[in-house]
Amino acid sequence: MTIHVLQIITTLCRGGAERQLVNLVSNTNPQVVRHTVCYLRPPDDFATELEAAGHDVVCLNLPLKWPWLFAPPKLRSLIRSRRPDLVQTWLFEADIGARLSMLFGLRVPIINTLHSTNY
């Protein structure tokens, strides 16, 4: 059985958390874990690399200011349609948006990747 993980991150710009996500997704055995990568808003520097490797990549195209506030309805829809076994979030805005989306009856485990103790 393949585990489906929905990876949610604020952007796919060329930063440390973004590179770490790409490394994790790219170096996971696809027969064991399948990834869908969702980012809240552009930039999308790593999207082409992920798509070329065969991963599903989704941009929610949320506003630059407070994307976490607009994320819950779109994330709920994405989670219902893709039916992941697990959600992993990266960075503050993605974490908050995903957690808010779970307030409305979704029951999917969330793992938060902490990159800064400022959170």
PDB file of N, CA and C in Angstrom:
ATOM      1  N   MET A   1       0.833  -1.186   0.000  1.00  0.00           N
ATOM      2  CA  MET A   1       0.000   0.000   0.000  1.00  0.00           C
ATOM      3  C   MET A   1       0.878   1.250   0.000  1.00  0.00           C
ATOM      4  N   THR A   2       0.536   2.192  -0.846  1.00  0.00           N
ATOM      5  CA  THR A   2       1.270   3.447  -0.940  1.00  0.00           C
ATOM      6  C   THR A   2       0.621   4.478  -0.022  1.00  0.00           C
ATOM      7  N   ILE A   3       1.441   5.203   0.708  1.00  0.00           N
ATOM      8  CA  ILE A   3       0.968   6.285   1.570  1.00  0.00           C
ATOM      9  C   ILE A   3       0.966   7.569   0.748  1.00  0.00           C
ATOM     10  N   HIS A   4      -0.136   8.302   0.821  1.00  0.00           N
ATOM     11  CA  HIS A   4      -0.235   9.576   0.096  1.00  0.00           C
ATOM     12  C   HIS A   4      -0.060  10.724   1.085  1.00  0.00           C
ATOM     13  N   VAL A   5       0.967  11.548   0.854  1.00  0.00           N
ATOM     14  CA  VAL A   5       1.259  12.695   1.716  1.00  0.00           C
ATOM     15  C   VAL A   5       1.008  13.981   0.939  1.00  0.00           C
ATOM     16  N   LEU A   6       0.199  14.855   1.512  1.00  0.00           N
ATOM     17  CA  LEU A   6      -0.007  16.186   0.957  1.00  0.00           C
ATOM     18  C   LEU A   6       0.975  17.125   1.645  1.00  0.00           C
ATOM     19  N   GLN A   7       1.934  17.643   0.876  1.00  0.00           N
ATOM     20  CA  GLN A   7       2.927  18.590   1.379  1.00  0.00           C
ATOM     21  C   GLN A   7       2.383  19.992   1.124  1.00  0.00           C
ATOM     22  N   ILE A   8       2.286  20.819   2.171  1.00  0.00           N
ATOM     23  CA  ILE A   8       1.781  22.179   2.009  1.00  0.00           C
ATOM     24  C   ILE A   8       2.866  23.146   2.477  1.00  0.00           C
ATOM     25  N   ILE A   9       3.197  24.098   1.592  1.00  0.00           N
ATOM     26  CA  ILE A   9       4.233  25.086   1.887  1.00  0.00           C
ATOM     27  C   ILE A   9       3.759  26.443   1.377  1.00  0.00           C
ATOM     28  N   THR A  10       4.306  27.505   1.929  1.00  0.00           N
ATOM     29  CA  THR A  10       3.863  28.842   1.552  1.00  0.00           C
ATOM     30  C   THR A  10       4.186  29.159   0.095  1.00  0.00           C
ATOM     31  N   THR A  11       5.427  28.979  -0.325  1.00  0.00           N
ATOM     32  CA  THR A  11       5.830  29.190  -1.721  1.00  0.00           C
ATOM     33  C   THR A  11       6.802  28.088  -2.115  1.00  0.00           C
ATOM     34  N   LEU A  12       7.156  28.063  -3.382  1.00  0.00           N
ATOM     35  CA  LEU A  12       8.225  27.179  -3.848  1.00  0.00           C
ATOM     36  C   LEU A  12       9.404  28.008  -4.361  1.00  0.00           C
ATOM     37  N   CYS A  13       9.683  29.129  -3.658  1.00  0.00           N
ATOM     38  CA  CYS A  13      10.831  29.958  -4.022  1.00  0.00           C
ATOM     39  C   CYS A  13      12.115  29.220  -3.639  1.00  0.00           C
ATOM     40  N   ARG A  14      13.229  29.768  -3.997  1.00  0.00           N
ATOM     41  CA  ARG A  14      14.508  29.115  -3.708  1.00  0.00           C
ATOM     42  C   ARG A  14      14.984  29.459  -2.304  1.00  0.00           C
ATOM     43  N   GLY A  15      14.429  28.772  -1.325  1.00  0.00           N
ATOM     44  CA  GLY A  15      14.807  28.976   0.068  1.00  0.00           C
ATOM     45  C   GLY A  15      15.155  27.648   0.711  1.00  0.00           C
ATOM     46  N   GLY A  16      15.554  27.697   1.967  1.00  0.00           N
ATOM     47  CA  GLY A  16      15.995  26.501   2.671  1.00  0.00           C
ATOM     48  C   GLY A  16      14.899  25.484   2.917  1.00  0.00           C
ATOM     49  N   ALA A  17      13.746  25.920   3.418  1.00  0.00           N
ATOM     50  CA  ALA A  17      12.638  24.993   3.671  1.00  0.00           C
ATOM     51  C   ALA A  17      12.135  24.396   2.362  1.00  0.00           C
ATOM     52  N   GLU A  18      12.074  25.228   1.342  1.00  0.00           N
ATOM     53  CA  GLU A  18      11.611  24.772   0.033  1.00  0.00           C
ATOM     54  C   GLU A  18      12.561  23.718  -0.549  1.00  0.00           C
ATOM     55  N   ARG A  19      13.855  23.964  -0.427  1.00  0.00           N
ATOM     56  CA  ARG A  19      14.848  22.991  -0.911  1.00  0.00           C
ATOM     57  C   ARG A  19      14.756  21.694  -0.116  1.00  0.00           C
ATOM     58  N   GLN A  20      14.537  21.803   1.176  1.00  0.00           N
ATOM     59  CA  GLN A  20      14.396  20.612   2.011  1.00  0.00           C
ATOM     60  C   GLN A  20      13.175  19.798   1.589  1.00  0.00           C
ATOM     61  N   LEU A  21      12.062  20.466   1.307  1.00  0.00           N
ATOM     62  CA  LEU A  21      10.868  19.773   0.828  1.00  0.00           C
ATOM     63  C   LEU A  21      11.155  19.053  -0.484  1.00  0.00           C
ATOM     64  N   VAL A  22      11.779  19.752  -1.426  1.00  0.00           N
ATOM     65  CA  VAL A  22      12.104  19.146  -2.722  1.00  0.00           C
ATOM     66  C   VAL A  22      13.009  17.932  -2.544  1.00  0.00           C
ATOM     67  N   ASN A  23      14.004  18.032  -1.673  1.00  0.00           N
ATOM     68  CA  ASN A  23      14.899  16.895  -1.411  1.00  0.00           C
ATOM     69  C   ASN A  23      14.140  15.715  -0.821  1.00  0.00           C
ATOM     70  N   LEU A  24      13.269  15.985   0.125  1.00  0.00           N
ATOM     71  CA  LEU A  24      12.482  14.913   0.742  1.00  0.00           C
ATOM     72  C   LEU A  24      11.604  14.219  -0.288  1.00  0.00           C
ATOM     73  N   VAL A  25      10.866  15.008  -1.044  1.00  0.00           N
ATOM     74  CA  VAL A  25       9.947  14.443  -2.038  1.00  0.00           C
ATOM     75  C   VAL A  25      10.710  13.683  -3.123  1.00  0.00           C
ATOM     76  N   SER A  26      11.808  14.247  -3.573  1.00  0.00           N
ATOM     77  CA  SER A  26      12.585  13.640  -4.660  1.00  0.00           C
ATOM     78  C   SER A  26      13.309  12.369  -4.247  1.00  0.00           C
ATOM     79  N   ASN A  27      13.594  12.225  -2.961  1.00  0.00           N
ATOM     80  CA  ASN A  27      14.364  11.071  -2.501  1.00  0.00           C
ATOM     81  C   ASN A  27      13.534  10.053  -1.741  1.00  0.00           C
ATOM     82  N   THR A  28      12.228  10.111  -1.902  1.00  0.00           N
ATOM     83  CA  THR A  28      11.334   9.145  -1.292  1.00  0.00           C
ATOM     84  C   THR A  28      10.976   8.089  -2.321  1.00  0.00           C
ATOM     85  N   ASN A  29      10.939   6.852  -1.905  1.00  0.00           N
ATOM     86  CA  ASN A  29      10.573   5.761  -2.802  1.00  0.00           C
ATOM     87  C   ASN A  29       9.102   5.915  -3.201  1.00  0.00           C
ATOM     88  N   PRO A  30       8.800   6.153  -4.491  1.00  0.00           N
ATOM     89  CA  PRO A  30       7.420   6.375  -4.928  1.00  0.00           C
ATOM     90  C   PRO A  30       6.524   5.143  -4.782  1.00  0.00           C
ATOM     91  N   GLN A  31       7.107   3.986  -4.597  1.00  0.00           N
ATOM     92  CA  GLN A  31       6.307   2.780  -4.369  1.00  0.00           C
ATOM     93  C   GLN A  31       5.824   2.714  -2.925  1.00  0.00           C
ATOM     94  N   VAL A  32       6.444   3.501  -2.059  1.00  0.00           N
ATOM     95  CA  VAL A  32       6.074   3.524  -0.645  1.00  0.00           C
ATOM     96  C   VAL A  32       5.276   4.783  -0.299  1.00  0.00           C
ATOM     97  N   VAL A  33       5.741   5.946  -0.803  1.00  0.00           N
ATOM     98  CA  VAL A  33       5.091   7.220  -0.489  1.00  0.00           C
ATOM     99  C   VAL A  33       4.882   8.019  -1.771  1.00  0.00           C
ATOM    100  N   ARG A  34       3.658   8.461  -1.963  1.00  0.00           N
ATOM    101  CA  ARG A  34       3.312   9.344  -3.089  1.00  0.00           C
ATOM    102  C   ARG A  34       3.052  10.732  -2.512  1.00  0.00           C
ATOM    103  N   HIS A  35       3.619  11.761  -3.154  1.00  0.00           N
ATOM    104  CA  HIS A  35       3.493  13.134  -2.656  1.00  0.00           C
ATOM    105  C   HIS A  35       2.673  13.990  -3.609  1.00  0.00           C
ATOM    106  N   THR A  36       1.843  14.840  -3.040  1.00  0.00           N
ATOM    107  CA  THR A  36       1.250  15.969  -3.739  1.00  0.00           C
ATOM    108  C   THR A  36       1.808  17.199  -3.045  1.00  0.00           C
ATOM    109  N   VAL A  37       2.373  18.123  -3.817  1.00  0.00           N
ATOM    110  CA  VAL A  37       2.952  19.341  -3.253  1.00  0.00           C
ATOM    111  C   VAL A  37       2.015  20.501  -3.560  1.00  0.00           C
ATOM    112  N   CYS A  38       1.574  21.164  -2.511  1.00  0.00           N
ATOM    113  CA  CYS A  38       0.680  22.314  -2.635  1.00  0.00           C
ATOM    114  C   CYS A  38       1.398  23.530  -2.078  1.00  0.00           C
ATOM    115  N   TYR A  39       1.413  24.618  -2.843  1.00  0.00           N
ATOM    116  CA  TYR A  39       1.969  25.855  -2.314  1.00  0.00           C
ATOM    117  C   TYR A  39       0.896  26.939  -2.383  1.00  0.00           C
ATOM    118  N   LEU A  40       0.929  27.820  -1.382  1.00  0.00           N
ATOM    119  CA  LEU A  40      -0.144  28.789  -1.224  1.00  0.00           C
ATOM    120  C   LEU A  40      -0.122  29.896  -2.268  1.00  0.00           C
ATOM    121  N   ARG A  41       1.085  30.314  -2.676  1.00  0.00           N
ATOM    122  CA  ARG A  41       1.187  31.428  -3.620  1.00  0.00           C
ATOM    123  C   ARG A  41       2.551  31.393  -4.304  1.00  0.00           C
ATOM    124  N   PRO A  42       2.662  32.055  -5.477  1.00  0.00           N
ATOM    125  CA  PRO A  42       3.977  32.172  -6.109  1.00  0.00           C
ATOM    126  C   PRO A  42       4.931  32.947  -5.214  1.00  0.00           C
ATOM    127  N   PRO A  43       6.243  32.818  -5.460  1.00  0.00           N
ATOM    128  CA  PRO A  43       6.930  32.243  -6.607  1.00  0.00           C
ATOM    129  C   PRO A  43       6.969  30.717  -6.584  1.00  0.00           C
ATOM    130  N   ASP A  44       7.275  30.175  -7.755  1.00  0.00           N
ATOM    131  CA  ASP A  44       7.214  28.725  -7.933  1.00  0.00           C
ATOM    132  C   ASP A  44       8.493  28.145  -8.533  1.00  0.00           C
ATOM    133  N   ASP A  45       9.637  28.627  -8.086  1.00  0.00           N
ATOM    134  CA  ASP A  45      10.935  28.236  -8.646  1.00  0.00           C
ATOM    135  C   ASP A  45      11.133  26.723  -8.747  1.00  0.00           C
ATOM    136  N   PHE A  46      10.659  25.965  -7.764  1.00  0.00           N
ATOM    137  CA  PHE A  46      10.891  24.518  -7.745  1.00  0.00           C
ATOM    138  C   PHE A  46       9.755  23.708  -8.378  1.00  0.00           C
ATOM    139  N   ALA A  47       8.681  24.349  -8.797  1.00  0.00           N
ATOM    140  CA  ALA A  47       7.528  23.614  -9.331  1.00  0.00           C
ATOM    141  C   ALA A  47       7.892  22.782 -10.555  1.00  0.00           C
ATOM    142  N   THR A  48       8.641  23.350 -11.483  1.00  0.00           N
ATOM    143  CA  THR A  48       9.013  22.635 -12.704  1.00  0.00           C
ATOM    144  C   THR A  48       9.841  21.394 -12.393  1.00  0.00           C
ATOM    145  N   GLU A  49      10.778  21.517 -11.465  1.00  0.00           N
ATOM    146  CA  GLU A  49      11.613  20.382 -11.066  1.00  0.00           C
ATOM    147  C   GLU A  49      10.758  19.257 -10.473  1.00  0.00           C
ATOM    148  N   LEU A  50       9.813  19.604  -9.638  1.00  0.00           N
ATOM    149  CA  LEU A  50       8.942  18.601  -9.022  1.00  0.00           C
ATOM    150  C   LEU A  50       8.036  17.935 -10.052  1.00  0.00           C
ATOM    151  N   GLU A  51       7.471  18.725 -10.938  1.00  0.00           N
ATOM    152  CA  GLU A  51       6.605  18.177 -11.986  1.00  0.00           C
ATOM    153  C   GLU A  51       7.381  17.278 -12.932  1.00  0.00           C
ATOM    154  N   ALA A  52       8.606  17.686 -13.287  1.00  0.00           N
ATOM    155  CA  ALA A  52       9.445  16.871 -14.174  1.00  0.00           C
ATOM    156  C   ALA A  52       9.769  15.525 -13.551  1.00  0.00           C
ATOM    157  N   ALA A  53       9.827  15.476 -12.226  1.00  0.00           N
ATOM    158  CA  ALA A  53      10.103  14.223 -11.519  1.00  0.00           C
ATOM    159  C   ALA A  53       8.832  13.381 -11.338  1.00  0.00           C
ATOM    160  N   GLY A  54       7.688  13.892 -11.840  1.00  0.00           N
ATOM    161  CA  GLY A  54       6.452  13.127 -11.806  1.00  0.00           C
ATOM    162  C   GLY A  54       5.555  13.380 -10.619  1.00  0.00           C
ATOM    163  N   HIS A  55       5.832  14.430  -9.864  1.00  0.00           N
ATOM    164  CA  HIS A  55       5.013  14.733  -8.694  1.00  0.00           C
ATOM    165  C   HIS A  55       3.881  15.682  -9.057  1.00  0.00           C
ATOM    166  N   ASP A  56       2.765  15.531  -8.373  1.00  0.00           N
ATOM    167  CA  ASP A  56       1.616  16.400  -8.540  1.00  0.00           C
ATOM    168  C   ASP A  56       1.884  17.695  -7.787  1.00  0.00           C
ATOM    169  N   VAL A  57       1.784  18.838  -8.475  1.00  0.00           N
ATOM    170  CA  VAL A  57       2.058  20.141  -7.866  1.00  0.00           C
ATOM    171  C   VAL A  57       0.843  21.040  -8.074  1.00  0.00           C
ATOM    172  N   VAL A  58       0.379  21.656  -6.989  1.00  0.00           N
ATOM    173  CA  VAL A  58      -0.815  22.501  -7.026  1.00  0.00           C
ATOM    174  C   VAL A  58      -0.501  23.850  -6.406  1.00  0.00           C
ATOM    175  N   CYS A  59      -0.830  24.929  -7.109  1.00  0.00           N
ATOM    176  CA  CYS A  59      -0.705  26.280  -6.552  1.00  0.00           C
ATOM    177  C   CYS A  59      -2.105  26.799  -6.261  1.00  0.00           C
ATOM    178  N   LEU A  60      -2.320  27.305  -5.055  1.00  0.00           N
ATOM    179  CA  LEU A  60      -3.627  27.847  -4.687  1.00  0.00           C
ATOM    180  C   LEU A  60      -3.798  29.307  -5.111  1.00  0.00           C
ATOM    181  N   ASN A  61      -2.706  29.966  -5.530  1.00  0.00           N
ATOM    182  CA  ASN A  61      -2.739  31.359  -5.996  1.00  0.00           C
ATOM    183  C   ASN A  61      -3.423  32.293  -5.003  1.00  0.00           C
ATOM    184  N   LEU A  62      -3.046  32.187  -3.753  1.00  0.00           N
ATOM    185  CA  LEU A  62      -3.622  33.035  -2.715  1.00  0.00           C
ATOM    186  C   LEU A  62      -2.928  34.391  -2.691  1.00  0.00           C
ATOM    187  N   PRO A  63      -3.565  35.382  -2.072  1.00  0.00           N
ATOM    188  CA  PRO A  63      -2.944  36.715  -2.012  1.00  0.00           C
ATOM    189  C   PRO A  63      -1.624  36.709  -1.233  1.00  0.00           C
ATOM    190  N   LEU A  64      -0.789  37.666  -1.538  1.00  0.00           N
ATOM    191  CA  LEU A  64       0.501  37.808  -0.875  1.00  0.00           C
ATOM    192  C   LEU A  64       0.313  38.105   0.616  1.00  0.00           C
ATOM    193  N   LYS A  65      -0.647  38.942   0.934  1.00  0.00           N
ATOM    194  CA  LYS A  65      -0.902  39.319   2.324  1.00  0.00           C
ATOM    195  C   LYS A  65      -1.885  38.328   2.947  1.00  0.00           C
ATOM    196  N   TRP A  66      -1.497  37.732   4.044  1.00  0.00           N
ATOM    197  CA  TRP A  66      -2.316  36.818   4.830  1.00  0.00           C
ATOM    198  C   TRP A  66      -2.847  35.625   4.034  1.00  0.00           C
ATOM    199  N   PRO A  67      -2.022  34.897   3.308  1.00  0.00           N
ATOM    200  CA  PRO A  67      -2.534  33.755   2.544  1.00  0.00           C
ATOM    201  C   PRO A  67      -3.173  32.688   3.429  1.00  0.00           C
ATOM    202  N   TRP A  68      -2.704  32.580   4.670  1.00  0.00           N
ATOM    203  CA  TRP A  68      -3.258  31.591   5.605  1.00  0.00           C
ATOM    204  C   TRP A  68      -4.736  31.847   5.887  1.00  0.00           C
ATOM    205  N   LEU A  69      -5.150  33.107   5.797  1.00  0.00           N
ATOM    206  CA  LEU A  69      -6.537  33.466   6.055  1.00  0.00           C
ATOM    207  C   LEU A  69      -7.462  32.989   4.939  1.00  0.00           C
ATOM    208  N   PHE A  70      -6.951  32.949   3.721  1.00  0.00           N
ATOM    209  CA  PHE A  70      -7.736  32.554   2.559  1.00  0.00           C
ATOM    210  C   PHE A  70      -7.565  31.072   2.206  1.00  0.00           C
ATOM    211  N   ALA A  71      -6.633  30.415   2.863  1.00  0.00           N
ATOM    212  CA  ALA A  71      -6.293  29.027   2.535  1.00  0.00           C
ATOM    213  C   ALA A  71      -7.339  27.981   2.926  1.00  0.00           C
ATOM    214  N   PRO A  72      -7.990  28.077   4.084  1.00  0.00           N
ATOM    215  CA  PRO A  72      -8.840  26.964   4.527  1.00  0.00           C
ATOM    216  C   PRO A  72      -9.870  26.433   3.532  1.00  0.00           C
ATOM    217  N   PRO A  73     -10.673  27.265   2.855  1.00  0.00           N
ATOM    218  CA  PRO A  73     -11.647  26.676   1.926  1.00  0.00           C
ATOM    219  C   PRO A  73     -10.987  25.916   0.772  1.00  0.00           C
ATOM    220  N   LYS A  74      -9.904  26.464   0.250  1.00  0.00           N
ATOM    221  CA  LYS A  74      -9.214  25.800  -0.863  1.00  0.00           C
ATOM    222  C   LYS A  74      -8.508  24.532  -0.401  1.00  0.00           C
ATOM    223  N   LEU A  75      -7.914  24.577   0.785  1.00  0.00           N
ATOM    224  CA  LEU A  75      -7.250  23.384   1.306  1.00  0.00           C
ATOM    225  C   LEU A  75      -8.269  22.289   1.632  1.00  0.00           C
ATOM    226  N   ARG A  76      -9.415  22.663   2.192  1.00  0.00           N
ATOM    227  CA  ARG A  76     -10.452  21.662   2.472  1.00  0.00           C
ATOM    228  C   ARG A  76     -10.869  20.958   1.191  1.00  0.00           C
ATOM    229  N   SER A  77     -11.077  21.728   0.146  1.00  0.00           N
ATOM    230  CA  SER A  77     -11.458  21.160  -1.149  1.00  0.00           C
ATOM    231  C   SER A  77     -10.367  20.229  -1.686  1.00  0.00           C
ATOM    232  N   LEU A  78      -9.113  20.667  -1.595  1.00  0.00           N
ATOM    233  CA  LEU A  78      -7.987  19.861  -2.065  1.00  0.00           C
ATOM    234  C   LEU A  78      -7.865  18.566  -1.264  1.00  0.00           C
ATOM    235  N   ILE A  79      -8.004  18.663   0.040  1.00  0.00           N
ATOM    236  CA  ILE A  79      -7.891  17.479   0.895  1.00  0.00           C
ATOM    237  C   ILE A  79      -9.028  16.500   0.606  1.00  0.00           C
ATOM    238  N   ARG A  80     -10.222  17.014   0.421  1.00  0.00           N
ATOM    239  CA  ARG A  80     -11.356  16.132   0.103  1.00  0.00           C
ATOM    240  C   ARG A  80     -11.181  15.447  -1.246  1.00  0.00           C
ATOM    241  N   SER A  81     -10.662  16.167  -2.225  1.00  0.00           N
ATOM    242  CA  SER A  81     -10.514  15.573  -3.568  1.00  0.00           C
ATOM    243  C   SER A  81      -9.317  14.635  -3.682  1.00  0.00           C
ATOM    244  N   ARG A  82      -8.209  14.955  -3.025  1.00  0.00           N
ATOM    245  CA  ARG A  82      -6.990  14.141  -3.134  1.00  0.00           C
ATOM    246  C   ARG A  82      -6.923  13.036  -2.085  1.00  0.00           C
ATOM    247  N   ARG A  83      -7.652  13.181  -0.995  1.00  0.00           N
ATOM    248  CA  ARG A  83      -7.739  12.182   0.070  1.00  0.00           C
ATOM    249  C   ARG A  83      -6.369  11.685   0.563  1.00  0.00           C
ATOM    250  N   PRO A  84      -5.507  12.596   1.044  1.00  0.00           N
ATOM    251  CA  PRO A  84      -4.195  12.170   1.553  1.00  0.00           C
ATOM    252  C   PRO A  84      -4.340  11.406   2.871  1.00  0.00           C
ATOM    253  N   ASP A  85      -3.355  10.573   3.135  1.00  0.00           N
ATOM    254  CA  ASP A  85      -3.299   9.864   4.414  1.00  0.00           C
ATOM    255  C   ASP A  85      -2.712  10.751   5.502  1.00  0.00           C
ATOM    256  N   LEU A  86      -1.941  11.738   5.077  1.00  0.00           N
ATOM    257  CA  LEU A  86      -1.190  12.584   6.001  1.00  0.00           C
ATOM    258  C   LEU A  86      -0.945  13.935   5.344  1.00  0.00           C
ATOM    259  N   VAL A  87      -0.944  14.992   6.138  1.00  0.00           N
ATOM    260  CA  VAL A  87      -0.589  16.327   5.661  1.00  0.00           C
ATOM    261  C   VAL A  87       0.680  16.746   6.384  1.00  0.00           C
ATOM    262  N   GLN A  88       1.654  17.233   5.619  1.00  0.00           N
ATOM    263  CA  GLN A  88       2.869  17.788   6.211  1.00  0.00           C
ATOM    264  C   GLN A  88       2.955  19.244   5.792  1.00  0.00           C
ATOM    265  N   THR A  89       3.111  20.133   6.787  1.00  0.00           N
ATOM    266  CA  THR A  89       3.203  21.556   6.475  1.00  0.00           C
ATOM    267  C   THR A  89       4.614  22.058   6.693  1.00  0.00           C
ATOM    268  N   TRP A  90       4.928  23.094   5.933  1.00  0.00           N
ATOM    269  CA  TRP A  90       6.245  23.727   5.984  1.00  0.00           C
ATOM    270  C   TRP A  90       6.033  25.232   6.097  1.00  0.00           C
ATOM    271  N   LEU A  91       6.578  25.825   7.117  1.00  0.00           N
ATOM    272  CA  LEU A  91       6.544  27.270   7.345  1.00  0.00           C
ATOM    273  C   LEU A  91       5.208  27.731   7.935  1.00  0.00           C
ATOM    274  N   PHE A  92       5.254  28.863   8.582  1.00  0.00           N
ATOM    275  CA  PHE A  92       4.173  29.360   9.427  1.00  0.00           C
ATOM    276  C   PHE A  92       2.831  29.498   8.693  1.00  0.00           C
ATOM    277  N   GLU A  93       2.811  30.187   7.559  1.00  0.00           N
ATOM    278  CA  GLU A  93       1.546  30.455   6.877  1.00  0.00           C
ATOM    279  C   GLU A  93       0.869  29.170   6.400  1.00  0.00           C
ATOM    280  N   ALA A  94       1.653  28.218   5.908  1.00  0.00           N
ATOM    281  CA  ALA A  94       1.093  26.938   5.491  1.00  0.00           C
ATOM    282  C   ALA A  94       0.574  26.158   6.695  1.00  0.00           C
ATOM    283  N   ASP A  95       1.303  26.221   7.801  1.00  0.00           N
ATOM    284  CA  ASP A  95       0.893  25.531   9.018  1.00  0.00           C
ATOM    285  C   ASP A  95      -0.440  26.068   9.527  1.00  0.00           C
ATOM    286  N   ILE A  96      -0.550  27.373   9.635  1.00  0.00           N
ATOM    287  CA  ILE A  96      -1.776  27.984  10.146  1.00  0.00           C
ATOM    288  C   ILE A  96      -2.947  27.718   9.194  1.00  0.00           C
ATOM    289  N   GLY A  97      -2.731  27.885   7.903  1.00  0.00           N
ATOM    290  CA  GLY A  97      -3.794  27.631   6.926  1.00  0.00           C
ATOM    291  C   GLY A  97      -4.299  26.201   6.979  1.00  0.00           C
ATOM    292  N   ALA A  98      -3.396  25.240   7.089  1.00  0.00           N
ATOM    293  CA  ALA A  98      -3.783  23.828   7.145  1.00  0.00           C
ATOM    294  C   ALA A  98      -4.526  23.528   8.438  1.00  0.00           C
ATOM    295  N   ARG A  99      -4.045  24.060   9.541  1.00  0.00           N
ATOM    296  CA  ARG A  99      -4.714  23.807  10.826  1.00  0.00           C
ATOM    297  C   ARG A  99      -6.117  24.415  10.848  1.00  0.00           C
ATOM    298  N   LEU A 100      -6.268  25.606  10.288  1.00  0.00           N
ATOM    299  CA  LEU A 100      -7.601  26.211  10.217  1.00  0.00           C
ATOM    300  C   LEU A 100      -8.540  25.397   9.325  1.00  0.00           C
ATOM    301  N   SER A 101      -8.000  24.802   8.281  1.00  0.00           N
ATOM    302  CA  SER A 101      -8.852  24.003   7.383  1.00  0.00           C
ATOM    303  C   SER A 101      -9.386  22.753   8.071  1.00  0.00           C
ATOM    304  N   MET A 102      -8.703  22.295   9.099  1.00  0.00           N
ATOM    305  CA  MET A 102      -9.128  21.091   9.820  1.00  0.00           C
ATOM    306  C   MET A 102     -10.231  21.380  10.845  1.00  0.00           C
ATOM    307  N   LEU A 103     -10.552  22.644  11.070  1.00  0.00           N
ATOM    308  CA  LEU A 103     -11.582  22.985  12.047  1.00  0.00           C
ATOM    309  C   LEU A 103     -12.991  22.617  11.581  1.00  0.00           C
ATOM    310  N   PHE A 104     -13.131  22.236  10.342  1.00  0.00           N
ATOM    311  CA  PHE A 104     -14.455  22.003   9.775  1.00  0.00           C
ATOM    312  C   PHE A 104     -14.687  20.537   9.437  1.00  0.00           C
ATOM    313  N   GLY A 105     -14.287  19.650  10.324  1.00  0.00           N
ATOM    314  CA  GLY A 105     -14.634  18.244  10.201  1.00  0.00           C
ATOM    315  C   GLY A 105     -13.653  17.330   9.501  1.00  0.00           C
ATOM    316  N   LEU A 106     -12.571  17.834   8.956  1.00  0.00           N
ATOM    317  CA  LEU A 106     -11.594  16.949   8.323  1.00  0.00           C
ATOM    318  C   LEU A 106     -10.776  16.255   9.398  1.00  0.00           C
ATOM    319  N   ARG A 107     -10.455  14.994   9.172  1.00  0.00           N
ATOM    320  CA  ARG A 107      -9.699  14.217  10.154  1.00  0.00           C
ATOM    321  C   ARG A 107      -8.486  13.586   9.478  1.00  0.00           C
ATOM    322  N   VAL A 108      -7.509  14.414   9.166  1.00  0.00           N
ATOM    323  CA  VAL A 108      -6.272  13.942   8.555  1.00  0.00           C
ATOM    324  C   VAL A 108      -5.133  14.367   9.473  1.00  0.00           C
ATOM    325  N   PRO A 109      -4.239  13.456   9.845  1.00  0.00           N
ATOM    326  CA  PRO A 109      -3.109  13.838  10.706  1.00  0.00           C
ATOM    327  C   PRO A 109      -2.221  14.892  10.030  1.00  0.00           C
ATOM    328  N   ILE A 110      -1.733  15.828  10.833  1.00  0.00           N
ATOM    329  CA  ILE A 110      -0.838  16.885  10.336  1.00  0.00           C
ATOM    330  C   ILE A 110       0.499  16.781  11.050  1.00  0.00           C
ATOM    331  N   ILE A 111       1.569  16.865  10.263  1.00  0.00           N
ATOM    332  CA  ILE A 111       2.923  16.986  10.793  1.00  0.00           C
ATOM    333  C   ILE A 111       3.421  18.367  10.396  1.00  0.00           C
ATOM    334  N   ASN A 112       3.914  19.122  11.361  1.00  0.00           N
ATOM    335  CA  ASN A 112       4.459  20.450  11.084  1.00  0.00           C
ATOM    336  C   ASN A 112       5.973  20.386  11.095  1.00  0.00           C
ATOM    337  N   THR A 113       6.575  20.936  10.063  1.00  0.00           N
ATOM    338  CA  THR A 113       8.028  20.987   9.989  1.00  0.00           C
ATOM    339  C   THR A 113       8.461  22.346  10.517  1.00  0.00           C
ATOM    340  N   LEU A 114       9.152  22.362  11.624  1.00  0.00           N
ATOM    341  CA  LEU A 114       9.575  23.598  12.273  1.00  0.00           C
ATOM    342  C   LEU A 114      10.938  24.014  11.748  1.00  0.00           C
ATOM    343  N   HIS A 115      11.029  25.241  11.260  1.00  0.00           N
ATOM    344  CA  HIS A 115      12.285  25.731  10.696  1.00  0.00           C
ATOM    345  C   HIS A 115      12.869  26.898  11.468  1.00  0.00           C
ATOM    346  N   SER A 116      12.107  27.446  12.386  1.00  0.00           N
ATOM    347  CA  SER A 116      12.594  28.581  13.135  1.00  0.00           C
ATOM    348  C   SER A 116      11.926  28.567  14.514  1.00  0.00           C
ATOM    349  N   THR A 117      12.702  28.829  15.526  1.00  0.00           N
ATOM    350  CA  THR A 117      12.134  28.843  16.873  1.00  0.00           C
ATOM    351  C   THR A 117      11.287  30.099  17.106  1.00  0.00           C
ATOM    352  N   ASN A 118      11.269  31.026  16.168  1.00  0.00           N
ATOM    353  CA  ASN A 118      10.417  32.200  16.289  1.00  0.00           C
ATOM    354  C   ASN A 118       8.947  31.844  16.232  1.00  0.00           C
ATOM    355  N   TYR A 119       8.618  30.673  15.710  1.00  0.00           N
ATOM    356  CA  TYR A 119       7.220  30.256  15.615  1.00  0.00           C
ATOM    357  C   TYR A 119       6.662  30.049  16.994  1.00  0.00           C
TER     358      TYR A 119
END
